[in-house]
Amino acid sequence: MKKPAFLRRGVTLVEMLIVVGILGIIVAAAAPSIADLMARRRVEMVAAELATNLAYARSEAGMRPQNVYIYFDAAGSCYSLVFWGGAGDCDCTLGAGNACSAPGVIATEFKTVQLAGTGGVKLTATDSPITFQSRRMSAAPDGASVTISSSRAGQLKLSVNAAGRVASCSPDGSITGVARC
């Protein structure tokens, strides 16, 4: 006995192509916003790591008889945390363990961070180096800041006050949950 047409199960090729076409349109419309979301998350992750490293540099300055310096690359691709020995500049583009190895440099690098593979995220420092004073843990210059930005979307600014404390804000308001500055 043959089943009536309304009880038969299955999908025609035309119906399947319509569904695939609609899904394609939805994905094409959503792709740019997903890429922007990922770019903003990368900015947030780099900013969180930098804020942690600034706090770490401040605490190291409080425990040691040496100032701690954070050098930023002019191209915005890396930074190094350094105990200063009095001569030369460290170059974070040389990589971790090699940033302070140039002839004439008397400094001890204890952390270097390179932003390779972070999807177009760049650091722009108003001052390099940022100095954390030994024992006092204060920072110089007062009001030094670093802007973390993505070539696609998202921007955060970390500011270091004279007491060495870090505050963050979003210059363009693109990062939700962070005050606009």
N, C-alpha and C. Protein backbone atom coordinates (compact mmCIF):
# COMPACT_ATOMS: atom_id res chain seq x y z
N MET A 1 0.84 -1.18 0.00
CA MET A 1 0.00 0.00 0.00
C MET A 1 0.88 1.24 0.00
N LYS A 2 0.55 2.15 -0.84
CA LYS A 2 1.31 3.39 -1.01
C LYS A 2 0.85 4.44 -0.01
N LYS A 3 1.90 5.16 0.58
CA LYS A 3 1.57 6.21 1.58
C LYS A 3 1.10 7.46 0.86
N PRO A 4 0.23 8.22 1.50
CA PRO A 4 -0.19 9.50 0.90
C PRO A 4 1.01 10.47 0.83
N ALA A 5 0.97 11.46 -0.06
CA ALA A 5 2.07 12.39 -0.31
C ALA A 5 2.47 13.17 0.95
N PHE A 6 1.51 13.53 1.78
CA PHE A 6 1.85 14.32 2.99
C PHE A 6 2.57 13.50 4.04
N LEU A 7 2.59 12.19 3.94
CA LEU A 7 3.30 11.35 4.88
C LEU A 7 4.71 10.98 4.39
N ARG A 8 5.01 11.24 3.13
CA ARG A 8 6.33 10.93 2.63
C ARG A 8 7.36 11.89 3.20
N ARG A 9 8.55 11.37 3.50
CA ARG A 9 9.62 12.19 4.08
C ARG A 9 10.68 12.42 3.03
N GLY A 10 11.43 13.57 3.15
CA GLY A 10 12.52 13.85 2.23
C GLY A 10 12.54 15.31 1.84
N VAL A 11 13.64 15.70 1.24
CA VAL A 11 13.84 17.08 0.83
C VAL A 11 14.26 17.07 -0.64
N THR A 12 13.69 17.96 -1.40
CA THR A 12 14.07 18.04 -2.81
C THR A 12 15.36 18.83 -2.96
N LEU A 13 15.98 18.69 -4.10
CA LEU A 13 17.21 19.41 -4.40
C LEU A 13 16.98 20.92 -4.38
N VAL A 14 15.89 21.37 -4.89
CA VAL A 14 15.57 22.81 -4.91
C VAL A 14 15.45 23.35 -3.49
N GLU A 15 14.77 22.63 -2.62
CA GLU A 15 14.65 23.05 -1.23
C GLU A 15 16.01 23.12 -0.55
N MET A 16 16.86 22.14 -0.82
CA MET A 16 18.21 22.11 -0.24
C MET A 16 19.03 23.30 -0.74
N LEU A 17 18.96 23.64 -2.01
CA LEU A 17 19.70 24.78 -2.56
C LEU A 17 19.22 26.10 -1.98
N ILE A 18 17.94 26.22 -1.73
CA ILE A 18 17.40 27.44 -1.12
C ILE A 18 17.94 27.61 0.30
N VAL A 19 17.97 26.54 1.08
CA VAL A 19 18.49 26.60 2.44
C VAL A 19 19.98 26.95 2.43
N VAL A 20 20.75 26.31 1.56
CA VAL A 20 22.19 26.61 1.46
C VAL A 20 22.41 28.05 1.04
N GLY A 21 21.61 28.55 0.12
CA GLY A 21 21.73 29.95 -0.30
C GLY A 21 21.44 30.93 0.82
N ILE A 22 20.41 30.67 1.60
CA ILE A 22 20.06 31.53 2.74
C ILE A 22 21.18 31.49 3.78
N LEU A 23 21.71 30.31 4.09
CA LEU A 23 22.82 30.20 5.03
C LEU A 23 24.05 30.96 4.54
N GLY A 24 24.31 30.89 3.25
CA GLY A 24 25.44 31.64 2.68
C GLY A 24 25.29 33.14 2.87
N ILE A 25 24.09 33.64 2.67
CA ILE A 25 23.83 35.08 2.86
C ILE A 25 24.02 35.47 4.32
N ILE A 26 23.53 34.65 5.24
CA ILE A 26 23.67 34.93 6.67
C ILE A 26 25.14 34.93 7.09
N VAL A 27 25.91 33.94 6.64
CA VAL A 27 27.33 33.86 6.98
C VAL A 27 28.09 35.05 6.39
N ALA A 28 27.78 35.43 5.15
CA ALA A 28 28.46 36.57 4.52
C ALA A 28 28.17 37.87 5.27
N ALA A 29 26.96 38.00 5.80
CA ALA A 29 26.61 39.21 6.55
C ALA A 29 27.27 39.22 7.93
N ALA A 30 27.44 38.03 8.54
CA ALA A 30 27.99 37.96 9.90
C ALA A 30 29.51 37.95 9.93
N ALA A 31 30.18 37.55 8.87
CA ALA A 31 31.64 37.40 8.87
C ALA A 31 32.39 38.68 9.27
N PRO A 32 32.05 39.85 8.73
CA PRO A 32 32.80 41.05 9.15
C PRO A 32 32.65 41.35 10.64
N SER A 33 31.47 41.16 11.20
CA SER A 33 31.30 41.46 12.62
C SER A 33 32.06 40.44 13.48
N ILE A 34 32.16 39.21 13.04
CA ILE A 34 32.93 38.21 13.78
C ILE A 34 34.41 38.56 13.73
N ALA A 35 34.90 39.01 12.57
CA ALA A 35 36.31 39.40 12.44
C ALA A 35 36.61 40.61 13.32
N ASP A 36 35.69 41.56 13.40
CA ASP A 36 35.87 42.73 14.27
C ASP A 36 35.89 42.32 15.74
N LEU A 37 35.01 41.40 16.10
CA LEU A 37 34.97 40.90 17.47
C LEU A 37 36.30 40.24 17.83
N MET A 38 36.84 39.43 16.94
CA MET A 38 38.12 38.76 17.20
C MET A 38 39.24 39.79 17.32
N ALA A 39 39.23 40.84 16.49
CA ALA A 39 40.25 41.88 16.57
C ALA A 39 40.19 42.60 17.92
N ARG A 40 38.99 42.92 18.38
CA ARG A 40 38.84 43.57 19.68
C ARG A 40 39.32 42.66 20.81
N ARG A 41 39.04 41.37 20.72
CA ARG A 41 39.50 40.42 21.75
C ARG A 41 41.02 40.33 21.77
N ARG A 42 41.66 40.39 20.60
CA ARG A 42 43.12 40.38 20.56
C ARG A 42 43.68 41.62 21.27
N VAL A 43 43.07 42.78 21.02
CA VAL A 43 43.49 44.01 21.69
C VAL A 43 43.34 43.86 23.20
N GLU A 44 42.21 43.32 23.64
CA GLU A 44 41.98 43.12 25.07
C GLU A 44 43.02 42.18 25.69
N MET A 45 43.36 41.10 24.96
CA MET A 45 44.34 40.14 25.48
C MET A 45 45.73 40.76 25.59
N VAL A 46 46.16 41.50 24.58
CA VAL A 46 47.48 42.15 24.62
C VAL A 46 47.50 43.19 25.73
N ALA A 47 46.42 43.96 25.88
CA ALA A 47 46.34 44.97 26.94
C ALA A 47 46.37 44.33 28.32
N ALA A 48 45.69 43.21 28.50
CA ALA A 48 45.69 42.52 29.80
C ALA A 48 47.10 42.02 30.12
N GLU A 49 47.78 41.47 29.13
CA GLU A 49 49.14 40.98 29.38
C GLU A 49 50.09 42.14 29.70
N LEU A 50 49.96 43.26 28.98
CA LEU A 50 50.80 44.42 29.25
C LEU A 50 50.51 44.99 30.63
N ALA A 51 49.25 45.09 31.01
CA ALA A 51 48.89 45.60 32.35
C ALA A 51 49.50 44.71 33.44
N THR A 52 49.45 43.41 33.23
CA THR A 52 50.06 42.47 34.18
C THR A 52 51.56 42.68 34.25
N ASN A 53 52.19 42.86 33.09
CA ASN A 53 53.65 43.06 33.07
C ASN A 53 54.05 44.41 33.67
N LEU A 54 53.24 45.43 33.52
CA LEU A 54 53.51 46.71 34.18
C LEU A 54 53.45 46.55 35.70
N ALA A 55 52.43 45.85 36.17
CA ALA A 55 52.32 45.59 37.62
C ALA A 55 53.49 44.74 38.11
N TYR A 56 53.91 43.79 37.32
CA TYR A 56 55.06 42.94 37.66
C TYR A 56 56.34 43.76 37.74
N ALA A 57 56.54 44.64 36.77
CA ALA A 57 57.72 45.51 36.78
C ALA A 57 57.72 46.41 38.02
N ARG A 58 56.56 46.92 38.38
CA ARG A 58 56.44 47.76 39.57
C ARG A 58 56.80 46.98 40.82
N SER A 59 56.31 45.74 40.93
CA SER A 59 56.60 44.94 42.12
C SER A 59 58.08 44.54 42.17
N GLU A 60 58.68 44.26 41.02
CA GLU A 60 60.12 43.94 40.99
C GLU A 60 60.95 45.15 41.43
N ALA A 61 60.53 46.35 41.03
CA ALA A 61 61.25 47.56 41.44
C ALA A 61 61.15 47.75 42.95
N GLY A 62 60.05 47.33 43.55
CA GLY A 62 59.90 47.45 44.99
C GLY A 62 60.74 46.46 45.77
N MET A 63 61.11 45.36 45.14
CA MET A 63 61.87 44.32 45.83
C MET A 63 63.38 44.41 45.60
N ARG A 64 63.81 45.16 44.63
CA ARG A 64 65.23 45.15 44.25
C ARG A 64 65.86 46.53 44.39
N PRO A 65 67.16 46.56 44.48
CA PRO A 65 67.85 47.85 44.59
C PRO A 65 68.12 48.49 43.23
N GLN A 66 67.42 48.05 42.20
CA GLN A 66 67.61 48.60 40.86
C GLN A 66 66.28 49.07 40.29
N ASN A 67 66.34 50.11 39.47
CA ASN A 67 65.14 50.53 38.76
C ASN A 67 64.79 49.48 37.71
N VAL A 68 63.52 49.42 37.37
CA VAL A 68 63.06 48.54 36.30
C VAL A 68 62.54 49.43 35.17
N TYR A 69 62.97 49.11 33.95
CA TYR A 69 62.61 49.88 32.78
C TYR A 69 61.83 48.99 31.82
N ILE A 70 60.87 49.60 31.15
CA ILE A 70 60.14 48.90 30.09
C ILE A 70 60.40 49.68 28.80
N TYR A 71 61.10 49.01 27.90
CA TYR A 71 61.43 49.59 26.59
C TYR A 71 60.43 49.09 25.55
N PHE A 72 59.91 50.02 24.75
CA PHE A 72 58.98 49.69 23.68
C PHE A 72 59.66 49.91 22.35
N ASP A 73 59.41 49.01 21.43
CA ASP A 73 59.91 49.13 20.07
C ASP A 73 59.16 50.26 19.36
N ALA A 74 59.86 51.06 18.58
CA ALA A 74 59.23 52.17 17.86
C ALA A 74 58.19 51.67 16.85
N ALA A 75 58.37 50.48 16.32
CA ALA A 75 57.42 49.92 15.36
C ALA A 75 56.18 49.36 16.03
N GLY A 76 56.19 49.25 17.36
CA GLY A 76 55.03 48.77 18.09
C GLY A 76 54.85 47.27 18.09
N SER A 77 55.95 46.54 17.94
CA SER A 77 55.82 45.09 17.82
C SER A 77 56.29 44.33 19.06
N CYS A 78 56.92 45.01 20.04
CA CYS A 78 57.44 44.29 21.20
C CYS A 78 57.79 45.26 22.33
N TYR A 79 58.09 44.67 23.51
CA TYR A 79 58.61 45.43 24.63
C TYR A 79 59.42 44.51 25.53
N SER A 80 60.34 45.12 26.29
CA SER A 80 61.21 44.36 27.20
C SER A 80 61.18 44.99 28.58
N LEU A 81 61.18 44.14 29.61
CA LEU A 81 61.32 44.56 31.00
C LEU A 81 62.77 44.31 31.38
N VAL A 82 63.44 45.35 31.93
CA VAL A 82 64.89 45.31 32.09
C VAL A 82 65.29 45.88 33.45
N PHE A 83 66.27 45.21 34.10
CA PHE A 83 66.97 45.83 35.23
C PHE A 83 68.11 46.59 34.62
N TRP A 84 68.21 47.85 34.93
CA TRP A 84 69.17 48.71 34.27
C TRP A 84 70.53 48.64 34.93
N GLY A 85 71.55 48.55 34.09
CA GLY A 85 72.92 48.51 34.59
C GLY A 85 73.68 49.78 34.32
N GLY A 86 73.10 50.70 33.56
CA GLY A 86 73.74 52.00 33.38
C GLY A 86 74.22 52.35 32.00
N ALA A 87 74.22 51.43 31.04
CA ALA A 87 74.72 51.80 29.72
C ALA A 87 73.98 51.04 28.62
N GLY A 88 73.75 51.73 27.50
CA GLY A 88 73.18 51.11 26.31
C GLY A 88 71.67 51.01 26.34
N ASP A 89 71.12 50.63 25.20
CA ASP A 89 69.69 50.43 25.06
C ASP A 89 69.41 48.98 24.70
N CYS A 90 68.31 48.45 25.19
CA CYS A 90 67.91 47.09 24.85
C CYS A 90 67.00 47.15 23.62
N ASP A 91 67.04 46.12 22.82
CA ASP A 91 66.28 46.04 21.58
C ASP A 91 65.42 44.79 21.60
N CYS A 92 64.13 44.96 21.87
CA CYS A 92 63.23 43.81 22.01
C CYS A 92 63.00 43.06 20.70
N THR A 93 63.33 43.67 19.58
CA THR A 93 63.15 42.98 18.30
C THR A 93 64.13 41.82 18.14
N LEU A 94 65.16 41.78 18.98
CA LEU A 94 66.14 40.68 18.91
C LEU A 94 65.60 39.40 19.53
N GLY A 95 64.48 39.48 20.23
CA GLY A 95 63.86 38.29 20.81
C GLY A 95 64.19 38.10 22.27
N ALA A 96 63.40 37.27 22.90
CA ALA A 96 63.58 36.98 24.33
C ALA A 96 64.95 36.36 24.57
N GLY A 97 65.64 36.88 25.59
CA GLY A 97 66.97 36.38 25.93
C GLY A 97 68.08 37.08 25.19
N ASN A 98 67.76 37.85 24.15
CA ASN A 98 68.77 38.54 23.35
C ASN A 98 68.58 40.05 23.32
N ALA A 99 67.53 40.56 23.93
CA ALA A 99 67.20 41.98 23.83
C ALA A 99 68.29 42.90 24.37
N CYS A 100 69.04 42.45 25.36
CA CYS A 100 70.06 43.29 25.97
C CYS A 100 71.46 42.72 25.74
N SER A 101 71.64 42.01 24.64
CA SER A 101 72.91 41.33 24.42
C SER A 101 73.86 42.08 23.49
N ALA A 102 73.50 43.28 23.07
CA ALA A 102 74.38 44.05 22.18
C ALA A 102 75.64 44.49 22.92
N PRO A 103 76.76 44.66 22.20
CA PRO A 103 77.99 45.13 22.85
C PRO A 103 77.78 46.48 23.52
N GLY A 104 78.29 46.64 24.72
CA GLY A 104 78.19 47.90 25.45
C GLY A 104 76.94 48.04 26.29
N VAL A 105 76.03 47.09 26.20
CA VAL A 105 74.80 47.17 26.99
C VAL A 105 75.03 46.50 28.34
N ILE A 106 74.78 47.26 29.39
CA ILE A 106 74.92 46.72 30.74
C ILE A 106 73.52 46.75 31.36
N ALA A 107 72.76 45.71 31.10
CA ALA A 107 71.40 45.61 31.60
C ALA A 107 71.02 44.14 31.64
N THR A 108 70.05 43.82 32.47
CA THR A 108 69.57 42.45 32.57
C THR A 108 68.11 42.41 32.16
N GLU A 109 67.86 41.77 31.08
CA GLU A 109 66.49 41.59 30.60
C GLU A 109 65.86 40.46 31.41
N PHE A 110 64.63 40.68 31.91
CA PHE A 110 63.98 39.58 32.59
C PHE A 110 62.67 39.19 31.93
N LYS A 111 62.22 39.94 30.93
CA LYS A 111 61.07 39.52 30.15
C LYS A 111 61.01 40.33 28.87
N THR A 112 60.78 39.65 27.77
CA THR A 112 60.55 40.30 26.49
C THR A 112 59.29 39.69 25.88
N VAL A 113 58.42 40.55 25.38
CA VAL A 113 57.17 40.11 24.76
C VAL A 113 57.15 40.62 23.33
N GLN A 114 56.96 39.71 22.39
CA GLN A 114 56.82 40.09 20.98
C GLN A 114 55.39 39.80 20.55
N LEU A 115 54.83 40.69 19.74
CA LEU A 115 53.44 40.58 19.34
C LEU A 115 53.24 39.85 18.02
N ALA A 116 54.20 39.09 17.57
CA ALA A 116 54.04 38.34 16.33
C ALA A 116 52.84 37.41 16.46
N GLY A 117 52.04 37.35 15.43
CA GLY A 117 50.90 36.45 15.44
C GLY A 117 49.70 36.95 16.21
N THR A 118 49.62 38.24 16.50
CA THR A 118 48.47 38.77 17.23
C THR A 118 47.49 39.47 16.29
N GLY A 119 47.57 39.20 15.02
CA GLY A 119 46.57 39.68 14.09
C GLY A 119 46.49 41.18 13.92
N GLY A 120 47.59 41.84 13.72
CA GLY A 120 47.58 43.27 13.44
C GLY A 120 47.50 44.16 14.66
N VAL A 121 47.81 43.65 15.84
CA VAL A 121 47.79 44.47 17.05
C VAL A 121 49.13 45.18 17.17
N LYS A 122 49.07 46.47 17.54
CA LYS A 122 50.26 47.31 17.61
C LYS A 122 50.26 48.11 18.90
N LEU A 123 51.46 48.34 19.45
CA LEU A 123 51.64 49.16 20.66
C LEU A 123 52.19 50.52 20.26
N THR A 124 51.64 51.58 20.83
CA THR A 124 52.18 52.92 20.62
C THR A 124 52.39 53.55 22.00
N ALA A 125 53.66 53.68 22.40
CA ALA A 125 53.99 54.23 23.71
C ALA A 125 54.28 55.72 23.60
N THR A 126 53.76 56.50 24.56
CA THR A 126 54.07 57.94 24.58
C THR A 126 55.49 58.16 25.05
N ASP A 127 55.99 57.26 25.88
CA ASP A 127 57.34 57.38 26.42
C ASP A 127 57.99 56.00 26.44
N SER A 128 59.24 55.97 26.05
CA SER A 128 60.02 54.73 26.16
C SER A 128 61.43 55.11 26.57
N PRO A 129 61.89 54.64 27.70
CA PRO A 129 61.28 53.64 28.57
C PRO A 129 60.35 54.27 29.60
N ILE A 130 59.51 53.41 30.15
CA ILE A 130 58.77 53.75 31.37
C ILE A 130 59.62 53.19 32.51
N THR A 131 59.89 54.03 33.51
CA THR A 131 60.79 53.64 34.60
C THR A 131 60.01 53.47 35.90
N PHE A 132 60.25 52.35 36.55
CA PHE A 132 59.72 52.13 37.89
C PHE A 132 60.89 52.26 38.86
N GLN A 133 60.77 53.23 39.78
CA GLN A 133 61.85 53.56 40.70
C GLN A 133 62.04 52.47 41.76
N SER A 134 63.28 52.15 41.99
CA SER A 134 63.63 51.14 42.99
C SER A 134 63.11 51.55 44.36
N ARG A 135 62.59 50.56 45.06
CA ARG A 135 62.05 50.65 46.42
C ARG A 135 60.77 51.48 46.52
N ARG A 136 60.70 52.61 45.84
CA ARG A 136 59.51 53.46 45.95
C ARG A 136 58.37 52.97 45.07
N MET A 137 58.69 52.23 44.02
CA MET A 137 57.72 51.68 43.07
C MET A 137 56.96 52.75 42.30
N SER A 138 57.44 53.98 42.32
CA SER A 138 56.79 55.04 41.56
C SER A 138 57.23 54.96 40.10
N ALA A 139 56.44 55.57 39.23
CA ALA A 139 56.73 55.50 37.79
C ALA A 139 57.09 56.86 37.25
N ALA A 140 57.95 56.85 36.25
CA ALA A 140 58.32 58.06 35.55
C ALA A 140 58.39 57.73 34.05
N PRO A 141 57.96 58.60 33.23
CA PRO A 141 57.31 59.88 33.53
C PRO A 141 55.87 59.67 33.99
N ASP A 142 55.39 60.61 34.78
CA ASP A 142 54.01 60.56 35.26
C ASP A 142 53.09 60.71 34.05
N GLY A 143 52.10 59.85 33.96
CA GLY A 143 51.15 59.94 32.86
C GLY A 143 51.59 59.22 31.59
N ALA A 144 52.65 58.43 31.68
CA ALA A 144 53.06 57.67 30.50
C ALA A 144 51.92 56.74 30.10
N SER A 145 51.77 56.55 28.81
CA SER A 145 50.68 55.67 28.36
C SER A 145 51.10 54.86 27.15
N VAL A 146 50.39 53.78 26.97
CA VAL A 146 50.60 52.89 25.83
C VAL A 146 49.22 52.62 25.23
N THR A 147 49.09 52.85 23.94
CA THR A 147 47.85 52.56 23.24
C THR A 147 48.02 51.25 22.48
N ILE A 148 47.09 50.35 22.69
CA ILE A 148 47.09 49.07 22.02
C ILE A 148 45.95 49.14 21.00
N SER A 149 46.29 48.98 19.74
CA SER A 149 45.28 49.13 18.70
C SER A 149 45.38 48.01 17.68
N SER A 150 44.27 47.77 17.03
CA SER A 150 44.20 46.76 15.99
C SER A 150 44.03 47.46 14.65
N SER A 151 44.59 46.88 13.61
CA SER A 151 44.44 47.46 12.29
C SER A 151 42.99 47.33 11.81
N ARG A 152 42.22 46.46 12.43
CA ARG A 152 40.84 46.23 12.01
C ARG A 152 39.83 46.96 12.89
N ALA A 153 39.87 46.71 14.21
CA ALA A 153 38.91 47.32 15.12
C ALA A 153 39.39 47.17 16.55
N GLY A 154 39.13 48.16 17.36
CA GLY A 154 39.44 48.08 18.78
C GLY A 154 40.68 48.86 19.17
N GLN A 155 40.58 49.55 20.29
CA GLN A 155 41.68 50.36 20.80
C GLN A 155 41.54 50.50 22.31
N LEU A 156 42.64 50.23 23.02
CA LEU A 156 42.69 50.42 24.47
C LEU A 156 43.93 51.23 24.81
N LYS A 157 43.81 52.03 25.86
CA LYS A 157 44.94 52.84 26.32
C LYS A 157 45.20 52.51 27.78
N LEU A 158 46.45 52.16 28.07
CA LEU A 158 46.88 51.93 29.45
C LEU A 158 47.71 53.12 29.89
N SER A 159 47.36 53.72 31.00
CA SER A 159 48.09 54.86 31.54
C SER A 159 48.71 54.49 32.88
N VAL A 160 49.93 54.96 33.11
CA VAL A 160 50.63 54.69 34.36
C VAL A 160 50.78 56.02 35.09
N ASN A 161 50.23 56.11 36.31
CA ASN A 161 50.35 57.36 37.06
C ASN A 161 51.66 57.38 37.85
N ALA A 162 51.90 58.47 38.55
CA ALA A 162 53.17 58.64 39.28
C ALA A 162 53.37 57.58 40.35
N ALA A 163 52.29 57.04 40.89
CA ALA A 163 52.39 56.00 41.91
C ALA A 163 52.67 54.62 41.29
N GLY A 164 52.66 54.56 39.96
CA GLY A 164 52.94 53.31 39.27
C GLY A 164 51.72 52.44 39.03
N ARG A 165 50.55 52.98 39.28
CA ARG A 165 49.32 52.21 39.09
C ARG A 165 48.83 52.36 37.64
N VAL A 166 48.23 51.29 37.14
CA VAL A 166 47.80 51.25 35.75
C VAL A 166 46.28 51.42 35.67
N ALA A 167 45.84 52.26 34.74
CA ALA A 167 44.41 52.44 34.47
C ALA A 167 44.20 52.25 32.98
N SER A 168 43.01 51.77 32.61
CA SER A 168 42.73 51.56 31.19
C SER A 168 41.48 52.30 30.77
N CYS A 169 41.45 52.66 29.50
CA CYS A 169 40.28 53.29 28.90
C CYS A 169 40.30 53.00 27.41
N SER A 170 39.19 53.26 26.74
CA SER A 170 39.08 53.02 25.31
C SER A 170 38.94 54.36 24.59
N PRO A 171 39.99 54.81 23.88
CA PRO A 171 39.94 56.11 23.21
C PRO A 171 38.79 56.25 22.21
N ASP A 172 38.50 55.18 21.48
CA ASP A 172 37.44 55.27 20.47
C ASP A 172 36.13 54.63 20.92
N GLY A 173 36.08 54.16 22.17
CA GLY A 173 34.86 53.57 22.70
C GLY A 173 34.52 52.22 22.10
N SER A 174 35.47 51.59 21.43
CA SER A 174 35.20 50.32 20.73
C SER A 174 35.20 49.11 21.64
N ILE A 175 35.76 49.24 22.84
CA ILE A 175 35.84 48.12 23.76
C ILE A 175 34.76 48.32 24.83
N THR A 176 33.79 47.43 24.84
CA THR A 176 32.71 47.56 25.82
C THR A 176 33.21 47.17 27.21
N GLY A 177 32.61 47.78 28.22
CA GLY A 177 32.97 47.49 29.60
C GLY A 177 34.18 48.28 30.08
N VAL A 178 34.71 49.15 29.23
CA VAL A 178 35.86 49.98 29.59
C VAL A 178 35.46 51.43 29.35
N ALA A 179 35.80 52.31 30.29
CA ALA A 179 35.44 53.71 30.16
C ALA A 179 36.08 54.32 28.92
N ARG A 180 35.37 55.25 28.32
CA ARG A 180 35.88 55.96 27.15
C ARG A 180 36.79 57.08 27.63
N CYS A 181 37.88 57.32 26.89
CA CYS A 181 38.79 58.42 27.29
C CYS A 181 39.06 59.34 26.13
